[in-house]
Amino acid sequence: MQEPPRELIRTRCAQGTLVITDTAIIIELGLLGRRDVLMRTALTGVDVKRVLFTAATITFHGQGKTMTATMVKAKEAERIQALLMGL
């Protein structure tokens, strides 16, 4: 039996909740249970841009898909970038 994905980071963003697992990047959109998913195997890059002293926008680039999470805590955004890009 296959193990469920392990959650590595869960943080708030303007869209809802940003979740990084060992297999996927997920933005849970509001209360309706909608999700935007990018598999980590398709990830080609991560851009972090500070928009305020304590907040940042993260853009996840994948093969044929881009996802953006806004108003993420700046420290969490840096941690996510380091985790995903091996920095």
C-alpha atoms as a PDB file:
ATOM      1  CA  MET A   1       0.000   0.000   0.000  1.00  0.00           C
ATOM      2  CA  GLN A   2       1.281   3.471  -0.937  1.00  0.00           C
ATOM      3  CA  GLU A   3       1.863   6.067   1.795  1.00  0.00           C
ATOM      4  CA  PRO A   4      -0.100   9.327   1.611  1.00  0.00           C
ATOM      5  CA  PRO A   5       1.938  12.448   0.733  1.00  0.00           C
ATOM      6  CA  ARG A   6       3.784  13.914   3.700  1.00  0.00           C
ATOM      7  CA  GLU A   7       2.939  17.560   4.438  1.00  0.00           C
ATOM      8  CA  LEU A   8       6.107  19.637   4.808  1.00  0.00           C
ATOM      9  CA  ILE A   9       4.788  23.220   5.041  1.00  0.00           C
ATOM     10  CA  ARG A  10       1.312  24.701   5.525  1.00  0.00           C
ATOM     11  CA  THR A  11       0.902  28.487   5.535  1.00  0.00           C
ATOM     12  CA  ARG A  12      -1.706  31.137   4.798  1.00  0.00           C
ATOM     13  CA  CYS A  13      -1.823  33.152   1.591  1.00  0.00           C
ATOM     14  CA  ALA A  14      -4.304  35.623   0.094  1.00  0.00           C
ATOM     15  CA  GLN A  15      -5.893  32.833  -1.954  1.00  0.00           C
ATOM     16  CA  GLY A  16      -6.430  30.539   1.053  1.00  0.00           C
ATOM     17  CA  THR A  17      -3.822  28.028   2.212  1.00  0.00           C
ATOM     18  CA  LEU A  18      -0.525  27.077   0.587  1.00  0.00           C
ATOM     19  CA  VAL A  19       0.532  23.490   1.254  1.00  0.00           C
ATOM     20  CA  ILE A  20       3.844  21.933   0.240  1.00  0.00           C
ATOM     21  CA  THR A  21       3.988  18.137   0.398  1.00  0.00           C
ATOM     22  CA  ASP A  22       6.766  15.809  -0.607  1.00  0.00           C
ATOM     23  CA  THR A  23       4.992  15.274  -3.972  1.00  0.00           C
ATOM     24  CA  ALA A  24       2.940  18.418  -4.725  1.00  0.00           C
ATOM     25  CA  ILE A  25       2.421  22.153  -4.298  1.00  0.00           C
ATOM     26  CA  ILE A  26      -1.213  22.870  -3.454  1.00  0.00           C
ATOM     27  CA  ILE A  27      -3.131  26.121  -3.098  1.00  0.00           C
ATOM     28  CA  GLU A  28      -6.403  25.424  -1.293  1.00  0.00           C
ATOM     29  CA  LEU A  29      -8.819  28.084  -2.518  1.00  0.00           C
ATOM     30  CA  GLY A  30     -11.282  29.313   0.094  1.00  0.00           C
ATOM     31  CA  LEU A  31     -14.008  27.282   1.750  1.00  0.00           C
ATOM     32  CA  LEU A  32     -15.414  25.479  -1.291  1.00  0.00           C
ATOM     33  CA  GLY A  33     -12.743  22.783  -1.301  1.00  0.00           C
ATOM     34  CA  ARG A  34     -11.261  23.868  -4.638  1.00  0.00           C
ATOM     35  CA  ARG A  35      -7.551  23.280  -5.088  1.00  0.00           C
ATOM     36  CA  ASP A  36      -4.881  24.258  -7.574  1.00  0.00           C
ATOM     37  CA  VAL A  37      -2.130  21.615  -7.748  1.00  0.00           C
ATOM     38  CA  LEU A  38       1.329  21.503  -9.304  1.00  0.00           C
ATOM     39  CA  MET A  39       3.217  18.239  -8.982  1.00  0.00           C
ATOM     40  CA  ARG A  40       6.785  18.714  -7.728  1.00  0.00           C
ATOM     41  CA  THR A  41       8.087  16.513 -10.549  1.00  0.00           C
ATOM     42  CA  ALA A  42       6.833  19.201 -12.995  1.00  0.00           C
ATOM     43  CA  LEU A  43       8.369  22.112 -11.039  1.00  0.00           C
ATOM     44  CA  THR A  44      10.973  24.065 -13.039  1.00  0.00           C
ATOM     45  CA  GLY A  45      11.467  27.142 -10.846  1.00  0.00           C
ATOM     46  CA  VAL A  46      10.324  29.267  -7.918  1.00  0.00           C
ATOM     47  CA  ASP A  47      10.397  33.074  -7.811  1.00  0.00           C
ATOM     48  CA  VAL A  48       9.954  34.988  -4.553  1.00  0.00           C
ATOM     49  CA  LYS A  49       9.300  38.727  -4.622  1.00  0.00           C
ATOM     50  CA  ARG A  50       8.868  40.751  -1.453  1.00  0.00           C
ATOM     51  CA  VAL A  51       5.885  43.067  -1.707  1.00  0.00           C
ATOM     52  CA  LEU A  52       5.967  44.385   1.851  1.00  0.00           C
ATOM     53  CA  PHE A  53       8.505  44.131   4.624  1.00  0.00           C
ATOM     54  CA  THR A  54       6.788  41.025   6.004  1.00  0.00           C
ATOM     55  CA  ALA A  55       5.004  39.611   2.924  1.00  0.00           C
ATOM     56  CA  ALA A  56       5.976  38.107  -0.411  1.00  0.00           C
ATOM     57  CA  THR A  57       4.539  36.731  -3.631  1.00  0.00           C
ATOM     58  CA  ILE A  58       5.663  33.252  -4.664  1.00  0.00           C
ATOM     59  CA  THR A  59       5.396  32.153  -8.290  1.00  0.00           C
ATOM     60  CA  PHE A  60       5.776  28.447  -8.972  1.00  0.00           C
ATOM     61  CA  HIS A  61       6.777  27.606 -12.553  1.00  0.00           C
ATOM     62  CA  GLY A  62       5.988  24.179 -13.916  1.00  0.00           C
ATOM     63  CA  GLN A  63       5.926  22.431 -17.226  1.00  0.00           C
ATOM     64  CA  GLY A  64       3.066  24.265 -18.951  1.00  0.00           C
ATOM     65  CA  LYS A  65       1.642  25.749 -15.733  1.00  0.00           C
ATOM     66  CA  THR A  66       2.271  28.662 -13.387  1.00  0.00           C
ATOM     67  CA  MET A  67       0.760  29.139  -9.919  1.00  0.00           C
ATOM     68  CA  THR A  68       1.010  32.243  -7.735  1.00  0.00           C
ATOM     69  CA  ALA A  69       0.485  32.606  -3.988  1.00  0.00           C
ATOM     70  CA  THR A  70       0.316  36.194  -2.739  1.00  0.00           C
ATOM     71  CA  MET A  71       0.721  37.725   0.715  1.00  0.00           C
ATOM     72  CA  VAL A  72       2.749  34.815   2.101  1.00  0.00           C
ATOM     73  CA  LYS A  73       4.845  35.619   5.170  1.00  0.00           C
ATOM     74  CA  ALA A  74       8.281  36.587   3.849  1.00  0.00           C
ATOM     75  CA  LYS A  75      10.162  34.151   6.114  1.00  0.00           C
ATOM     76  CA  GLU A  76       7.891  31.290   5.010  1.00  0.00           C
ATOM     77  CA  ALA A  77       8.364  32.254   1.345  1.00  0.00           C
ATOM     78  CA  GLU A  78      12.150  32.088   1.724  1.00  0.00           C
ATOM     79  CA  ARG A  79      11.854  28.743   3.514  1.00  0.00           C
ATOM     80  CA  ILE A  80       9.651  27.358   0.721  1.00  0.00           C
ATOM     81  CA  GLN A  81      12.058  28.543  -1.981  1.00  0.00           C
ATOM     82  CA  ALA A  82      15.009  26.963  -0.175  1.00  0.00           C
ATOM     83  CA  LEU A  83      13.131  23.675   0.293  1.00  0.00           C
ATOM     84  CA  LEU A  84      11.981  23.419  -3.317  1.00  0.00           C
ATOM     85  CA  MET A  85      15.104  24.679  -5.059  1.00  0.00           C
ATOM     86  CA  GLY A  86      17.656  23.148  -2.706  1.00  0.00           C
ATOM     87  CA  LEU A  87      19.161  26.497  -1.659  1.00  0.00           C
END
